């Protein structure tokens, strides 16, 4: 199961990961759980005439999770998988 998660802050999402059993209190993933902690996202969306980039920031905290089974307690943080993810699993 892959989850794309977003929360307003790192603390909020960290608490949800602990509560759901995906990580322990120190932030270590449970067995067979893989985390890709992204944090806030900044993307270049284009360039103006002089080459200056146009940048869009998404300040929320983002984490991708891969685990072997469905997880309860994350519904408030699950986002629709993006058409072009910021990062993908190798």
PDB file of N, CA and C in Angstrom:
ATOM      1  N   UNK A   1       0.849  -1.174   0.000  1.00  0.00           N
ATOM      2  CA  UNK A   1       0.000   0.000   0.000  1.00  0.00           C
ATOM      3  C   UNK A   1       0.896   1.239   0.000  1.00  0.00           C
ATOM      4  N   UNK A   2       0.591   2.146  -0.884  1.00  0.00           N
ATOM      5  CA  UNK A   2       1.287   3.427  -0.916  1.00  0.00           C
ATOM      6  C   UNK A   2       0.335   4.525  -0.472  1.00  0.00           C
ATOM      7  N   UNK A   3       0.833   5.402   0.374  1.00  0.00           N
ATOM      8  CA  UNK A   3       0.066   6.549   0.837  1.00  0.00           C
ATOM      9  C   UNK A   3       0.864   7.819   0.577  1.00  0.00           C
ATOM     10  N   UNK A   4       0.196   8.827   0.084  1.00  0.00           N
ATOM     11  CA  UNK A   4       0.752  10.174  -0.026  1.00  0.00           C
ATOM     12  C   UNK A   4       0.074  10.994   1.056  1.00  0.00           C
ATOM     13  N   UNK A   5       0.863  11.483   2.019  1.00  0.00           N
ATOM     14  CA  UNK A   5       0.297  12.165   3.178  1.00  0.00           C
ATOM     15  C   UNK A   5       0.722  13.627   3.209  1.00  0.00           C
ATOM     16  N   UNK A   6      -0.179  14.458   3.744  1.00  0.00           N
ATOM     17  CA  UNK A   6       0.103  15.885   3.906  1.00  0.00           C
ATOM     18  C   UNK A   6      -0.569  16.356   5.183  1.00  0.00           C
ATOM     19  N   UNK A   7       0.165  17.169   5.963  1.00  0.00           N
ATOM     20  CA  UNK A   7      -0.368  17.763   7.191  1.00  0.00           C
ATOM     21  C   UNK A   7       0.163  19.183   7.299  1.00  0.00           C
ATOM     22  N   UNK A   8      -0.474  20.010   8.126  1.00  0.00           N
ATOM     23  CA  UNK A   8      -0.026  21.397   8.235  1.00  0.00           C
ATOM     24  C   UNK A   8       1.388  21.539   8.802  1.00  0.00           C
ATOM     25  N   UNK A   9       1.806  20.594   9.670  1.00  0.00           N
ATOM     26  CA  UNK A   9       3.137  20.692  10.275  1.00  0.00           C
ATOM     27  C   UNK A   9       3.753  19.303  10.425  1.00  0.00           C
ATOM     28  N   UNK A  10       5.051  19.298  10.638  1.00  0.00           N
ATOM     29  CA  UNK A  10       5.768  18.042  10.888  1.00  0.00           C
ATOM     30  C   UNK A  10       5.239  17.365  12.149  1.00  0.00           C
ATOM     31  N   UNK A  11       4.998  18.141  13.195  1.00  0.00           N
ATOM     32  CA  UNK A  11       4.542  17.566  14.465  1.00  0.00           C
ATOM     33  C   UNK A  11       3.203  16.846  14.310  1.00  0.00           C
ATOM     34  N   UNK A  12       2.296  17.440  13.571  1.00  0.00           N
ATOM     35  CA  UNK A  12       0.965  16.830  13.381  1.00  0.00           C
ATOM     36  C   UNK A  12       1.094  15.506  12.636  1.00  0.00           C
ATOM     37  N   UNK A  13       1.882  15.494  11.571  1.00  0.00           N
ATOM     38  CA  UNK A  13       2.017  14.262  10.790  1.00  0.00           C
ATOM     39  C   UNK A  13       2.819  13.216  11.560  1.00  0.00           C
ATOM     40  N   UNK A  14       3.831  13.630  12.290  1.00  0.00           N
ATOM     41  CA  UNK A  14       4.607  12.687  13.102  1.00  0.00           C
ATOM     42  C   UNK A  14       3.721  11.997  14.132  1.00  0.00           C
ATOM     43  N   UNK A  15       2.849  12.770  14.775  1.00  0.00           N
ATOM     44  CA  UNK A  15       1.924  12.189  15.757  1.00  0.00           C
ATOM     45  C   UNK A  15       0.992  11.172  15.099  1.00  0.00           C
ATOM     46  N   UNK A  16       0.506  11.487  13.915  1.00  0.00           N
ATOM     47  CA  UNK A  16      -0.380  10.561  13.203  1.00  0.00           C
ATOM     48  C   UNK A  16       0.349   9.275  12.827  1.00  0.00           C
ATOM     49  N   UNK A  17       1.607   9.376  12.437  1.00  0.00           N
ATOM     50  CA  UNK A  17       2.383   8.182  12.086  1.00  0.00           C
ATOM     51  C   UNK A  17       2.609   7.298  13.309  1.00  0.00           C
ATOM     52  N   UNK A  18       2.854   7.909  14.456  1.00  0.00           N
ATOM     53  CA  UNK A  18       3.026   7.145  15.698  1.00  0.00           C
ATOM     54  C   UNK A  18       1.702   6.502  16.089  1.00  0.00           C
ATOM     55  N   UNK A  19       0.625   7.280  16.087  1.00  0.00           N
ATOM     56  CA  UNK A  19      -0.692   6.780  16.479  1.00  0.00           C
ATOM     57  C   UNK A  19      -1.143   5.621  15.595  1.00  0.00           C
ATOM     58  N   UNK A  20      -0.818   5.682  14.305  1.00  0.00           N
ATOM     59  CA  UNK A  20      -1.225   4.627  13.375  1.00  0.00           C
ATOM     60  C   UNK A  20      -0.339   3.387  13.479  1.00  0.00           C
ATOM     61  N   UNK A  21       0.761   3.483  14.225  1.00  0.00           N
ATOM     62  CA  UNK A  21       1.660   2.344  14.388  1.00  0.00           C
ATOM     63  C   UNK A  21       2.700   2.201  13.290  1.00  0.00           C
ATOM     64  N   UNK A  22       2.792   3.197  12.418  1.00  0.00           N
ATOM     65  CA  UNK A  22       3.770   3.114  11.333  1.00  0.00           C
ATOM     66  C   UNK A  22       5.188   3.428  11.792  1.00  0.00           C
ATOM     67  N   UNK A  23       5.310   4.230  12.845  1.00  0.00           N
ATOM     68  CA  UNK A  23       6.623   4.531  13.425  1.00  0.00           C
ATOM     69  C   UNK A  23       6.514   4.462  14.946  1.00  0.00           C
ATOM     70  N   UNK A  24       7.675   4.295  15.600  1.00  0.00           N
ATOM     71  CA  UNK A  24       7.676   4.318  17.057  1.00  0.00           C
ATOM     72  C   UNK A  24       7.875   5.752  17.544  1.00  0.00           C
ATOM     73  N   UNK A  25       7.960   5.934  18.848  1.00  0.00           N
ATOM     74  CA  UNK A  25       8.080   7.271  19.438  1.00  0.00           C
ATOM     75  C   UNK A  25       9.332   8.017  18.985  1.00  0.00           C
ATOM     76  N   UNK A  26      10.370   7.281  18.589  1.00  0.00           N
ATOM     77  CA  UNK A  26      11.610   7.906  18.118  1.00  0.00           C
ATOM     78  C   UNK A  26      11.592   8.174  16.616  1.00  0.00           C
ATOM     79  N   UNK A  27      10.499   7.772  15.946  1.00  0.00           N
ATOM     80  CA  UNK A  27      10.388   7.998  14.507  1.00  0.00           C
ATOM     81  C   UNK A  27      10.924   6.873  13.650  1.00  0.00           C
ATOM     82  N   UNK A  28      11.284   5.748  14.277  1.00  0.00           N
ATOM     83  CA  UNK A  28      11.772   4.591  13.523  1.00  0.00           C
ATOM     84  C   UNK A  28      10.595   3.843  12.914  1.00  0.00           C
ATOM     85  N   UNK A  29      10.673   3.505  11.625  1.00  0.00           N
ATOM     86  CA  UNK A  29       9.551   2.806  11.000  1.00  0.00           C
ATOM     87  C   UNK A  29       9.354   1.401  11.546  1.00  0.00           C
ATOM     88  N   UNK A  30       8.103   0.974  11.537  1.00  0.00           N
ATOM     89  CA  UNK A  30       7.760  -0.396  11.914  1.00  0.00           C
ATOM     90  C   UNK A  30       8.333  -1.342  10.857  1.00  0.00           C
ATOM     91  N   UNK A  31       8.434  -2.639  11.170  1.00  0.00           N
ATOM     92  CA  UNK A  31       8.929  -3.589  10.171  1.00  0.00           C
ATOM     93  C   UNK A  31       8.119  -3.519   8.871  1.00  0.00           C
ATOM     94  N   UNK A  32       8.828  -3.559   7.765  1.00  0.00           N
ATOM     95  CA  UNK A  32       8.253  -3.559   6.416  1.00  0.00           C
ATOM     96  C   UNK A  32       7.575  -2.244   6.037  1.00  0.00           C
ATOM     97  N   UNK A  33       7.791  -1.202   6.815  1.00  0.00           N
ATOM     98  CA  UNK A  33       7.257   0.124   6.496  1.00  0.00           C
ATOM     99  C   UNK A  33       8.403   0.980   5.972  1.00  0.00           C
ATOM    100  N   UNK A  34       8.159   1.643   4.856  1.00  0.00           N
ATOM    101  CA  UNK A  34       9.162   2.525   4.255  1.00  0.00           C
ATOM    102  C   UNK A  34       8.592   3.938   4.221  1.00  0.00           C
ATOM    103  N   UNK A  35       9.395   4.893   4.666  1.00  0.00           N
ATOM    104  CA  UNK A  35       8.985   6.296   4.696  1.00  0.00           C
ATOM    105  C   UNK A  35       9.868   7.115   3.768  1.00  0.00           C
ATOM    106  N   UNK A  36       9.264   8.029   3.056  1.00  0.00           N
ATOM    107  CA  UNK A  36       9.986   9.031   2.288  1.00  0.00           C
ATOM    108  C   UNK A  36       9.520  10.375   2.826  1.00  0.00           C
ATOM    109  N   UNK A  37      10.287  10.921   3.764  1.00  0.00           N
ATOM    110  CA  UNK A  37       9.929  12.187   4.395  1.00  0.00           C
ATOM    111  C   UNK A  37      10.385  13.311   3.470  1.00  0.00           C
ATOM    112  N   UNK A  38       9.428  14.045   2.941  1.00  0.00           N
ATOM    113  CA  UNK A  38       9.711  15.105   1.981  1.00  0.00           C
ATOM    114  C   UNK A  38       9.706  16.466   2.648  1.00  0.00           C
ATOM    115  N   UNK A  39       8.770  16.692   3.551  1.00  0.00           N
ATOM    116  CA  UNK A  39       8.651  18.003   4.180  1.00  0.00           C
ATOM    117  C   UNK A  39       7.948  18.977   3.250  1.00  0.00           C
ATOM    118  N   UNK A  40       8.242  20.275   3.360  1.00  0.00           N
ATOM    119  CA  UNK A  40       7.650  21.266   2.457  1.00  0.00           C
ATOM    120  C   UNK A  40       8.182  21.072   1.036  1.00  0.00           C
ATOM    121  N   UNK A  41       7.374  21.447   0.061  1.00  0.00           N
ATOM    122  CA  UNK A  41       7.751  21.285  -1.347  1.00  0.00           C
ATOM    123  C   UNK A  41       7.837  22.652  -2.015  1.00  0.00           C
ATOM    124  N   UNK A  42       8.882  22.826  -2.801  1.00  0.00           N
ATOM    125  CA  UNK A  42       9.038  24.024  -3.629  1.00  0.00           C
ATOM    126  C   UNK A  42       9.240  23.564  -5.061  1.00  0.00           C
ATOM    127  N   UNK A  43       8.476  24.117  -5.993  1.00  0.00           N
ATOM    128  CA  UNK A  43       8.578  23.723  -7.395  1.00  0.00           C
ATOM    129  C   UNK A  43       8.781  24.945  -8.277  1.00  0.00           C
ATOM    130  N   UNK A  44       9.631  24.780  -9.273  1.00  0.00           N
ATOM    131  CA  UNK A  44       9.787  25.795 -10.311  1.00  0.00           C
ATOM    132  C   UNK A  44       8.695  25.519 -11.346  1.00  0.00           C
ATOM    133  N   UNK A  45       7.864  26.525 -11.621  1.00  0.00           N
ATOM    134  CA  UNK A  45       6.749  26.340 -12.551  1.00  0.00           C
ATOM    135  C   UNK A  45       6.993  26.968 -13.914  1.00  0.00           C
ATOM    136  N   UNK A  46       8.112  27.643 -14.060  1.00  0.00           N
ATOM    137  CA  UNK A  46       8.440  28.276 -15.339  1.00  0.00           C
ATOM    138  C   UNK A  46       9.495  29.342 -15.127  1.00  0.00           C
ATOM    139  N   UNK A  47       9.793  30.069 -16.200  1.00  0.00           N
ATOM    140  CA  UNK A  47      10.807  31.127 -16.148  1.00  0.00           C
ATOM    141  C   UNK A  47      10.283  32.344 -16.887  1.00  0.00           C
ATOM    142  N   UNK A  48      10.651  33.539 -16.398  1.00  0.00           N
ATOM    143  CA  UNK A  48      10.252  34.746 -17.109  1.00  0.00           C
ATOM    144  C   UNK A  48      11.301  35.075 -18.168  1.00  0.00           C
ATOM    145  N   UNK A  49      11.123  36.201 -18.850  1.00  0.00           N
ATOM    146  CA  UNK A  49      11.975  36.560 -19.982  1.00  0.00           C
ATOM    147  C   UNK A  49      13.464  36.644 -19.630  1.00  0.00           C
ATOM    148  N   UNK A  50      13.778  37.081 -18.422  1.00  0.00           N
ATOM    149  CA  UNK A  50      15.195  37.222 -18.045  1.00  0.00           C
ATOM    150  C   UNK A  50      15.762  35.968 -17.375  1.00  0.00           C
ATOM    151  N   UNK A  51      14.996  34.872 -17.380  1.00  0.00           N
ATOM    152  CA  UNK A  51      15.487  33.610 -16.838  1.00  0.00           C
ATOM    153  C   UNK A  51      15.236  33.394 -15.367  1.00  0.00           C
ATOM    154  N   UNK A  52      14.558  34.345 -14.729  1.00  0.00           N
ATOM    155  CA  UNK A  52      14.240  34.190 -13.314  1.00  0.00           C
ATOM    156  C   UNK A  52      13.137  33.148 -13.163  1.00  0.00           C
ATOM    157  N   UNK A  53      13.343  32.165 -12.273  1.00  0.00           N
ATOM    158  CA  UNK A  53      12.317  31.134 -12.121  1.00  0.00           C
ATOM    159  C   UNK A  53      11.086  31.634 -11.368  1.00  0.00           C
ATOM    160  N   UNK A  54       9.934  31.110 -11.768  1.00  0.00           N
ATOM    161  CA  UNK A  54       8.699  31.304 -11.015  1.00  0.00           C
ATOM    162  C   UNK A  54       8.585  30.112 -10.068  1.00  0.00           C
ATOM    163  N   UNK A  55       8.446  30.390  -8.784  1.00  0.00           N
ATOM    164  CA  UNK A  55       8.466  29.326  -7.785  1.00  0.00           C
ATOM    165  C   UNK A  55       7.155  29.294  -7.017  1.00  0.00           C
ATOM    166  N   UNK A  56       6.646  28.077  -6.818  1.00  0.00           N
ATOM    167  CA  UNK A  56       5.451  27.866  -6.008  1.00  0.00           C
ATOM    168  C   UNK A  56       5.875  27.050  -4.794  1.00  0.00           C
ATOM    169  N   UNK A  57       5.475  27.471  -3.613  1.00  0.00           N
ATOM    170  CA  UNK A  57       5.809  26.761  -2.383  1.00  0.00           C
ATOM    171  C   UNK A  57       4.561  26.131  -1.789  1.00  0.00           C
ATOM    172  N   UNK A  58       4.740  24.908  -1.313  1.00  0.00           N
ATOM    173  CA  UNK A  58       3.697  24.184  -0.595  1.00  0.00           C
ATOM    174  C   UNK A  58       4.266  23.921   0.800  1.00  0.00           C
ATOM    175  N   UNK A  59       3.957  24.772   1.784  1.00  0.00           N
ATOM    176  CA  UNK A  59       4.618  24.712   3.090  1.00  0.00           C
ATOM    177  C   UNK A  59       4.193  23.542   3.978  1.00  0.00           C
ATOM    178  N   UNK A  60       3.153  22.833   3.595  1.00  0.00           N
ATOM    179  CA  UNK A  60       2.699  21.717   4.426  1.00  0.00           C
ATOM    180  C   UNK A  60       3.782  20.626   4.469  1.00  0.00           C
ATOM    181  N   UNK A  61       3.655  19.730   5.450  1.00  0.00           N
ATOM    182  CA  UNK A  61       4.612  18.644   5.615  1.00  0.00           C
ATOM    183  C   UNK A  61       4.122  17.431   4.830  1.00  0.00           C
ATOM    184  N   UNK A  62       4.963  16.903   3.947  1.00  0.00           N
ATOM    185  CA  UNK A  62       4.610  15.781   3.074  1.00  0.00           C
ATOM    186  C   UNK A  62       5.458  14.553   3.406  1.00  0.00           C
ATOM    187  N   UNK A  63       4.813  13.391   3.427  1.00  0.00           N
ATOM    188  CA  UNK A  63       5.495  12.115   3.637  1.00  0.00           C
ATOM    189  C   UNK A  63       4.828  11.070   2.755  1.00  0.00           C
ATOM    190  N   UNK A  64       5.643  10.273   2.076  1.00  0.00           N
ATOM    191  CA  UNK A  64       5.135   9.128   1.336  1.00  0.00           C
ATOM    192  C   UNK A  64       5.411   7.885   2.174  1.00  0.00           C
ATOM    193  N   UNK A  65       4.442   6.971   2.211  1.00  0.00           N
ATOM    194  CA  UNK A  65       4.564   5.757   3.009  1.00  0.00           C
ATOM    195  C   UNK A  65       4.284   4.562   2.112  1.00  0.00           C
ATOM    196  N   UNK A  66       5.107   3.533   2.256  1.00  0.00           N
ATOM    197  CA  UNK A  66       4.853   2.252   1.588  1.00  0.00           C
ATOM    198  C   UNK A  66       4.829   1.197   2.689  1.00  0.00           C
ATOM    199  N   UNK A  67       3.722   0.450   2.757  1.00  0.00           N
ATOM    200  CA  UNK A  67       3.585  -0.579   3.786  1.00  0.00           C
ATOM    201  C   UNK A  67       2.828  -1.766   3.202  1.00  0.00           C
ATOM    202  N   UNK A  68       2.931  -2.930   3.846  1.00  0.00           N
ATOM    203  CA  UNK A  68       2.348  -4.135   3.266  1.00  0.00           C
ATOM    204  C   UNK A  68       0.837  -4.277   3.398  1.00  0.00           C
ATOM    205  N   UNK A  69       0.198  -3.478   4.232  1.00  0.00           N
ATOM    206  CA  UNK A  69      -1.241  -3.642   4.466  1.00  0.00           C
ATOM    207  C   UNK A  69      -1.879  -2.281   4.704  1.00  0.00           C
ATOM    208  N   UNK A  70      -3.206  -2.197   4.539  1.00  0.00           N
ATOM    209  CA  UNK A  70      -3.885  -0.931   4.823  1.00  0.00           C
ATOM    210  C   UNK A  70      -3.664  -0.494   6.276  1.00  0.00           C
ATOM    211  N   UNK A  71      -3.673   0.823   6.481  1.00  0.00           N
ATOM    212  CA  UNK A  71      -3.432   1.408   7.800  1.00  0.00           C
ATOM    213  C   UNK A  71      -4.615   2.283   8.178  1.00  0.00           C
ATOM    214  N   UNK A  72      -5.042   2.178   9.424  1.00  0.00           N
ATOM    215  CA  UNK A  72      -6.131   3.022   9.920  1.00  0.00           C
ATOM    216  C   UNK A  72      -5.568   4.260  10.596  1.00  0.00           C
ATOM    217  N   UNK A  73      -6.349   5.323  10.617  1.00  0.00           N
ATOM    218  CA  UNK A  73      -5.977   6.523  11.342  1.00  0.00           C
ATOM    219  C   UNK A  73      -5.286   7.596  10.512  1.00  0.00           C
ATOM    220  N   UNK A  74      -5.182   7.386   9.218  1.00  0.00           N
ATOM    221  CA  UNK A  74      -4.503   8.373   8.373  1.00  0.00           C
ATOM    222  C   UNK A  74      -5.443   9.111   7.429  1.00  0.00           C
ATOM    223  N   UNK A  75      -6.728   8.794   7.474  1.00  0.00           N
ATOM    224  CA  UNK A  75      -7.680   9.354   6.508  1.00  0.00           C
ATOM    225  C   UNK A  75      -7.607  10.871   6.380  1.00  0.00           C
ATOM    226  N   UNK A  76      -7.398  11.568   7.469  1.00  0.00           N
ATOM    227  CA  UNK A  76      -7.372  13.038   7.433  1.00  0.00           C
ATOM    228  C   UNK A  76      -6.139  13.573   6.715  1.00  0.00           C
ATOM    229  N   UNK A  77      -5.136  12.719   6.477  1.00  0.00           N
ATOM    230  CA  UNK A  77      -3.877  13.174   5.902  1.00  0.00           C
ATOM    231  C   UNK A  77      -3.609  12.645   4.493  1.00  0.00           C
ATOM    232  N   UNK A  78      -4.399  11.693   4.041  1.00  0.00           N
ATOM    233  CA  UNK A  78      -4.181  11.090   2.728  1.00  0.00           C
ATOM    234  C   UNK A  78      -4.626  12.067   1.642  1.00  0.00           C
ATOM    235  N   UNK A  79      -3.736  12.251   0.665  1.00  0.00           N
ATOM    236  CA  UNK A  79      -4.085  13.074  -0.489  1.00  0.00           C
ATOM    237  C   UNK A  79      -4.161  12.186  -1.722  1.00  0.00           C
ATOM    238  N   UNK A  80      -4.830  12.660  -2.745  1.00  0.00           N
ATOM    239  CA  UNK A  80      -4.909  11.936  -4.002  1.00  0.00           C
ATOM    240  C   UNK A  80      -3.513  11.825  -4.596  1.00  0.00           C
ATOM    241  N   UNK A  81      -3.139  10.632  -5.042  1.00  0.00           N
ATOM    242  CA  UNK A  81      -1.809  10.508  -5.643  1.00  0.00           C
ATOM    243  C   UNK A  81      -1.638  11.515  -6.781  1.00  0.00           C
ATOM    244  N   UNK A  82      -0.565  12.276  -6.761  1.00  0.00           N
ATOM    245  CA  UNK A  82      -0.357  13.272  -7.812  1.00  0.00           C
ATOM    246  C   UNK A  82      -0.081  12.609  -9.157  1.00  0.00           C
ATOM    247  N   UNK A  83      -0.469  13.277 -10.246  1.00  0.00           N
ATOM    248  CA  UNK A  83      -0.175  12.770 -11.592  1.00  0.00           C
ATOM    249  C   UNK A  83       1.330  12.625 -11.785  1.00  0.00           C
ATOM    250  N   UNK A  84       2.068  13.602 -11.286  1.00  0.00           N
ATOM    251  CA  UNK A  84       3.528  13.572 -11.338  1.00  0.00           C
ATOM    252  C   UNK A  84       4.029  13.762  -9.907  1.00  0.00           C
ATOM    253  N   UNK A  85       4.322  12.660  -9.206  1.00  0.00           N
ATOM    254  CA  UNK A  85       4.773  12.780  -7.824  1.00  0.00           C
ATOM    255  C   UNK A  85       6.082  13.566  -7.711  1.00  0.00           C
ATOM    256  N   UNK A  86       6.259  14.223  -6.593  1.00  0.00           N
ATOM    257  CA  UNK A  86       7.490  14.979  -6.319  1.00  0.00           C
ATOM    258  C   UNK A  86       8.673  14.003  -6.285  1.00  0.00           C
ATOM    259  N   UNK A  87       8.468  12.844  -5.661  1.00  0.00           N
ATOM    260  CA  UNK A  87       9.457  11.762  -5.656  1.00  0.00           C
ATOM    261  C   UNK A  87       8.713  10.447  -5.815  1.00  0.00           C
ATOM    262  N   UNK A  88       9.411   9.449  -6.373  1.00  0.00           N
ATOM    263  CA  UNK A  88       8.816   8.130  -6.577  1.00  0.00           C
ATOM    264  C   UNK A  88       9.699   7.083  -5.911  1.00  0.00           C
ATOM    265  N   UNK A  89       9.105   5.914  -5.660  1.00  0.00           N
ATOM    266  CA  UNK A  89       9.872   4.801  -5.097  1.00  0.00           C
ATOM    267  C   UNK A  89      10.761   4.219  -6.176  1.00  0.00           C
ATOM    268  N   UNK A  90      11.954   3.829  -5.820  1.00  0.00           N
ATOM    269  CA  UNK A  90      12.902   3.245  -6.781  1.00  0.00           C
ATOM    270  C   UNK A  90      12.556   1.790  -7.039  1.00  0.00           C
TER     271      UNK A  90
END
